[in-house]
Structure formats: structure tokens, C-alpha cells
N, C-alpha and C. Protein backbone atom coordinates (compact mmCIF):
# COMPACT_ATOMS: atom_id res chain seq x y z
N MET A 1 0.61 31.92 -189.17
CA MET A 1 0.70 32.68 -187.93
C MET A 1 -0.63 32.56 -187.19
N THR A 2 -0.55 32.27 -185.92
CA THR A 2 -1.74 32.20 -185.07
C THR A 2 -2.04 33.60 -184.54
N THR A 3 -3.29 33.99 -184.60
CA THR A 3 -3.71 35.25 -184.02
C THR A 3 -4.66 34.95 -182.86
N PHE A 4 -4.77 35.88 -181.96
CA PHE A 4 -5.62 35.72 -180.79
C PHE A 4 -6.62 36.85 -180.74
N ASP A 5 -7.79 36.58 -180.19
CA ASP A 5 -8.80 37.64 -180.12
C ASP A 5 -8.40 38.68 -179.08
N ALA A 6 -9.06 39.81 -179.17
CA ALA A 6 -8.72 40.96 -178.31
C ALA A 6 -8.83 40.63 -176.83
N ALA A 7 -9.78 39.79 -176.44
CA ALA A 7 -9.95 39.46 -175.02
C ALA A 7 -8.73 38.71 -174.49
N VAL A 8 -8.18 37.80 -175.27
CA VAL A 8 -6.99 37.06 -174.85
C VAL A 8 -5.80 38.01 -174.73
N ILE A 9 -5.60 38.85 -175.73
CA ILE A 9 -4.48 39.79 -175.72
C ILE A 9 -4.60 40.74 -174.53
N THR A 10 -5.79 41.25 -174.29
CA THR A 10 -6.01 42.15 -173.15
C THR A 10 -5.72 41.45 -171.83
N ALA A 11 -6.14 40.20 -171.70
CA ALA A 11 -5.89 39.47 -170.45
C ALA A 11 -4.40 39.23 -170.25
N VAL A 12 -3.70 38.81 -171.29
CA VAL A 12 -2.27 38.51 -171.16
C VAL A 12 -1.49 39.79 -170.89
N THR A 13 -1.72 40.82 -171.69
CA THR A 13 -0.95 42.06 -171.48
C THR A 13 -1.30 42.71 -170.15
N GLY A 14 -2.56 42.62 -169.74
CA GLY A 14 -2.94 43.17 -168.43
C GLY A 14 -2.22 42.46 -167.30
N HIS A 15 -2.13 41.14 -167.40
CA HIS A 15 -1.42 40.36 -166.38
C HIS A 15 0.07 40.70 -166.38
N MET A 16 0.66 40.72 -167.55
CA MET A 16 2.10 41.01 -167.62
C MET A 16 2.42 42.42 -167.12
N ASN A 17 1.59 43.38 -167.48
CA ASN A 17 1.86 44.76 -167.08
C ASN A 17 1.46 45.05 -165.64
N GLY A 18 0.56 44.25 -165.10
CA GLY A 18 0.14 44.43 -163.73
C GLY A 18 1.00 43.68 -162.73
N ASP A 19 1.42 42.45 -163.10
CA ASP A 19 2.12 41.58 -162.16
C ASP A 19 3.58 41.30 -162.51
N HIS A 20 4.01 41.64 -163.71
CA HIS A 20 5.34 41.23 -164.15
C HIS A 20 6.10 42.36 -164.86
N THR A 21 6.05 43.56 -164.30
CA THR A 21 6.71 44.70 -164.95
C THR A 21 8.22 44.49 -165.09
N GLU A 22 8.84 43.94 -164.07
CA GLU A 22 10.29 43.70 -164.14
C GLU A 22 10.61 42.60 -165.15
N ASP A 23 9.75 41.61 -165.27
CA ASP A 23 9.95 40.54 -166.25
C ASP A 23 9.90 41.12 -167.67
N ASN A 24 8.94 42.01 -167.91
CA ASN A 24 8.87 42.68 -169.22
C ASN A 24 10.19 43.36 -169.55
N LEU A 25 10.72 44.08 -168.59
CA LEU A 25 11.95 44.82 -168.82
C LEU A 25 13.12 43.88 -169.09
N LEU A 26 13.21 42.81 -168.33
CA LEU A 26 14.30 41.85 -168.57
C LEU A 26 14.22 41.24 -169.96
N ILE A 27 13.03 40.87 -170.40
CA ILE A 27 12.86 40.29 -171.73
C ILE A 27 13.29 41.29 -172.80
N VAL A 28 12.84 42.51 -172.68
CA VAL A 28 13.19 43.54 -173.67
C VAL A 28 14.68 43.83 -173.66
N ARG A 29 15.26 43.95 -172.48
CA ARG A 29 16.71 44.20 -172.41
C ARG A 29 17.53 43.06 -173.01
N ALA A 30 17.12 41.84 -172.76
CA ALA A 30 17.88 40.68 -173.23
C ALA A 30 17.77 40.49 -174.74
N PHE A 31 16.62 40.75 -175.32
CA PHE A 31 16.38 40.35 -176.70
C PHE A 31 16.13 41.49 -177.68
N ALA A 32 16.08 42.75 -177.21
CA ALA A 32 15.75 43.82 -178.16
C ALA A 32 16.46 45.14 -177.87
N GLN A 33 16.31 45.67 -176.68
CA GLN A 33 16.81 47.00 -176.36
C GLN A 33 17.57 46.96 -175.03
N PRO A 34 18.87 46.70 -175.06
CA PRO A 34 19.63 46.58 -173.82
C PRO A 34 19.60 47.82 -172.92
N ASN A 35 19.35 48.98 -173.49
CA ASN A 35 19.34 50.22 -172.71
C ASN A 35 17.95 50.66 -172.27
N ALA A 36 16.96 49.80 -172.42
CA ALA A 36 15.60 50.16 -172.02
C ALA A 36 15.53 50.43 -170.52
N SER A 37 14.76 51.44 -170.16
CA SER A 37 14.57 51.75 -168.74
C SER A 37 13.20 51.30 -168.24
N ALA A 38 12.29 50.99 -169.16
CA ALA A 38 10.96 50.49 -168.82
C ALA A 38 10.42 49.76 -170.04
N ALA A 39 9.47 48.87 -169.80
CA ALA A 39 8.84 48.15 -170.92
C ALA A 39 7.47 47.68 -170.49
N ARG A 40 6.55 47.69 -171.43
CA ARG A 40 5.21 47.14 -171.19
C ARG A 40 4.81 46.31 -172.40
N MET A 41 4.14 45.21 -172.13
CA MET A 41 3.68 44.33 -173.19
C MET A 41 2.43 44.94 -173.81
N THR A 42 2.41 45.01 -175.14
CA THR A 42 1.29 45.64 -175.83
C THR A 42 0.55 44.72 -176.78
N GLY A 43 1.11 43.55 -177.06
CA GLY A 43 0.43 42.65 -177.98
C GLY A 43 1.17 41.34 -178.14
N LEU A 44 0.60 40.46 -178.93
CA LEU A 44 1.22 39.17 -179.21
C LEU A 44 0.48 38.50 -180.34
N ASP A 45 1.18 37.57 -180.98
CA ASP A 45 0.56 36.66 -181.93
C ASP A 45 1.31 35.34 -181.84
N GLY A 46 1.10 34.46 -182.76
CA GLY A 46 1.74 33.16 -182.69
C GLY A 46 3.24 33.19 -182.96
N ASP A 47 3.74 34.30 -183.46
CA ASP A 47 5.17 34.41 -183.79
C ASP A 47 6.00 35.12 -182.72
N ALA A 48 5.41 36.10 -182.05
CA ALA A 48 6.21 36.95 -181.15
C ALA A 48 5.32 37.68 -180.16
N GLY A 49 5.99 38.18 -179.11
CA GLY A 49 5.37 39.12 -178.20
C GLY A 49 5.77 40.51 -178.62
N GLU A 50 4.94 41.48 -178.32
CA GLU A 50 5.23 42.88 -178.65
C GLU A 50 5.28 43.70 -177.37
N TRP A 51 6.32 44.51 -177.27
CA TRP A 51 6.50 45.39 -176.13
C TRP A 51 6.79 46.79 -176.62
N VAL A 52 6.45 47.77 -175.81
CA VAL A 52 6.90 49.14 -176.02
C VAL A 52 7.92 49.41 -174.94
N ALA A 53 9.12 49.80 -175.39
CA ALA A 53 10.23 50.05 -174.47
C ALA A 53 10.56 51.53 -174.44
N ASP A 54 10.91 52.02 -173.27
CA ASP A 54 11.42 53.38 -173.13
C ASP A 54 12.93 53.31 -173.24
N VAL A 55 13.47 53.90 -174.29
CA VAL A 55 14.91 53.89 -174.55
C VAL A 55 15.36 55.34 -174.72
N ASP A 56 16.14 55.81 -173.76
CA ASP A 56 16.64 57.19 -173.80
C ASP A 56 15.52 58.20 -173.97
N GLY A 57 14.41 57.97 -173.29
CA GLY A 57 13.29 58.91 -173.30
C GLY A 57 12.35 58.77 -174.49
N ALA A 58 12.63 57.84 -175.38
CA ALA A 58 11.75 57.63 -176.54
C ALA A 58 11.14 56.22 -176.47
N GLU A 59 9.89 56.13 -176.91
CA GLU A 59 9.24 54.82 -176.94
C GLU A 59 9.57 54.10 -178.24
N ARG A 60 9.92 52.82 -178.11
CA ARG A 60 10.23 51.99 -179.27
C ARG A 60 9.45 50.70 -179.17
N THR A 61 8.77 50.34 -180.23
CA THR A 61 8.05 49.08 -180.28
C THR A 61 9.01 47.99 -180.72
N VAL A 62 9.02 46.90 -179.96
CA VAL A 62 9.90 45.77 -180.30
C VAL A 62 9.08 44.48 -180.33
N HIS A 63 9.53 43.56 -181.17
CA HIS A 63 8.93 42.24 -181.26
C HIS A 63 9.99 41.23 -180.86
N VAL A 64 9.64 40.38 -179.93
CA VAL A 64 10.56 39.34 -179.48
C VAL A 64 9.94 38.00 -179.86
N PRO A 65 10.60 37.26 -180.76
CA PRO A 65 10.04 35.97 -181.18
C PRO A 65 9.98 34.98 -180.02
N TRP A 66 8.93 34.17 -180.04
CA TRP A 66 8.81 33.09 -179.07
C TRP A 66 9.91 32.07 -179.31
N LEU A 67 10.30 31.36 -178.30
CA LEU A 67 11.32 30.32 -178.42
C LEU A 67 10.73 29.00 -178.91
N GLY A 68 9.44 28.83 -178.73
CA GLY A 68 8.74 27.62 -179.17
C GLY A 68 7.40 28.00 -179.75
N PRO A 69 6.60 27.00 -180.12
CA PRO A 69 5.31 27.30 -180.76
C PRO A 69 4.28 27.90 -179.81
N VAL A 70 3.52 28.85 -180.33
CA VAL A 70 2.40 29.45 -179.60
C VAL A 70 1.17 29.27 -180.47
N THR A 71 0.29 28.41 -180.00
CA THR A 71 -0.91 28.09 -180.78
C THR A 71 -2.20 28.28 -180.00
N ASP A 72 -2.09 28.41 -178.67
CA ASP A 72 -3.28 28.60 -177.84
C ASP A 72 -2.88 29.39 -176.59
N ARG A 73 -3.89 29.71 -175.79
CA ARG A 73 -3.63 30.56 -174.63
C ARG A 73 -2.65 29.92 -173.64
N ALA A 74 -2.75 28.63 -173.43
CA ALA A 74 -1.83 27.95 -172.49
C ALA A 74 -0.39 28.05 -172.97
N SER A 75 -0.18 27.96 -174.28
CA SER A 75 1.19 28.03 -174.79
C SER A 75 1.77 29.44 -174.70
N ILE A 76 0.91 30.45 -174.61
CA ILE A 76 1.42 31.82 -174.41
C ILE A 76 2.16 31.88 -173.08
N ARG A 77 1.53 31.37 -172.03
CA ARG A 77 2.16 31.40 -170.70
C ARG A 77 3.48 30.64 -170.72
N THR A 78 3.47 29.47 -171.34
CA THR A 78 4.69 28.66 -171.41
C THR A 78 5.81 29.43 -172.08
N GLU A 79 5.50 30.12 -173.15
CA GLU A 79 6.55 30.82 -173.90
C GLU A 79 6.99 32.12 -173.24
N VAL A 80 6.09 32.81 -172.55
CA VAL A 80 6.51 34.00 -171.80
C VAL A 80 7.47 33.58 -170.70
N VAL A 81 7.16 32.50 -170.00
CA VAL A 81 8.05 32.01 -168.95
C VAL A 81 9.39 31.58 -169.55
N ALA A 82 9.36 30.92 -170.71
CA ALA A 82 10.61 30.52 -171.37
C ALA A 82 11.44 31.73 -171.75
N LEU A 83 10.81 32.78 -172.27
CA LEU A 83 11.54 34.01 -172.60
C LEU A 83 12.13 34.64 -171.35
N TYR A 84 11.34 34.69 -170.29
CA TYR A 84 11.82 35.27 -169.04
C TYR A 84 13.05 34.52 -168.53
N ARG A 85 12.97 33.20 -168.50
CA ARG A 85 14.10 32.41 -168.00
C ARG A 85 15.33 32.56 -168.91
N ALA A 86 15.12 32.59 -170.22
CA ALA A 86 16.23 32.79 -171.15
C ALA A 86 16.82 34.19 -170.98
N ALA A 87 15.99 35.18 -170.72
CA ALA A 87 16.48 36.54 -170.49
C ALA A 87 17.32 36.60 -169.23
N CYS A 88 16.85 35.96 -168.17
CA CYS A 88 17.63 35.93 -166.93
C CYS A 88 18.98 35.28 -167.17
N ASP A 89 18.98 34.17 -167.89
CA ASP A 89 20.22 33.47 -168.19
C ASP A 89 21.16 34.36 -169.00
N LYS A 90 20.63 35.00 -170.02
CA LYS A 90 21.45 35.85 -170.89
C LYS A 90 22.03 37.05 -170.13
N LEU A 91 21.24 37.61 -169.20
CA LEU A 91 21.67 38.79 -168.47
C LEU A 91 22.38 38.46 -167.14
N GLY A 92 22.45 37.18 -166.81
CA GLY A 92 23.10 36.79 -165.57
C GLY A 92 22.32 37.18 -164.33
N VAL A 93 21.00 37.13 -164.42
CA VAL A 93 20.10 37.50 -163.32
C VAL A 93 19.46 36.21 -162.80
N ALA A 94 19.40 36.07 -161.48
CA ALA A 94 18.71 34.91 -160.90
C ALA A 94 17.22 35.07 -161.11
N PRO A 95 16.55 34.06 -161.68
CA PRO A 95 15.11 34.17 -161.91
C PRO A 95 14.32 34.11 -160.59
N ASN A 96 13.23 34.85 -160.55
CA ASN A 96 12.30 34.76 -159.44
C ASN A 96 11.43 33.53 -159.65
N GLU A 97 11.00 32.93 -158.58
CA GLU A 97 10.03 31.84 -158.68
C GLU A 97 8.65 32.46 -158.65
N HIS A 98 7.95 32.38 -159.76
CA HIS A 98 6.62 32.99 -159.89
C HIS A 98 5.57 32.02 -159.45
């Protein structure tokens, strides 16, 4: 398993939670908690992304495995985009062009 230092995790989660709040929710709904009303990314490693989802007023931590390998910072972006596109496909939502 690949791990990333705190600065990388903070940068990725800050970007996702600042610029991609709806993308977080789509990923969580598609792959972990279909009834989530909100989600924020809280961590990641080489195996999965981690989100905290609000489900019926309770927070639940979920791990969503990457679809491909994550070994460096550039591959994190690639895999988040892949999860987002797969979530849109699964939920029947047209993807935004980021």
C-alpha cells in the first residue's frame, strides 16, 4: 500500500472539499452510501479514498477503492476523476467538464 505525507493529503482533500463538493457526494452515493446527503473527503492512500458521509443525520466514514493504481500525486488526480466519471455513469448523471 502506498501512503502519502500529510501535506499531499491536505492539498488533495482541501481541493476536493473546496472545489468539488458535489463530486464528493456523487462518488459516495455511487459506491458507498446511496442515501448520503453530504460528503467530504478526509483522507486517502494507495488503495482507496476516504470520505465522511452524512447519512440520515449521522456521519459515516467510507472507503472507496480506486479503480486503478495510485502510486504518486499525479495518479491521485487520475483516479479521483475516474471515480467521478464512473459514479456519474452508475447514477445516470451527466458529468461536468472540470
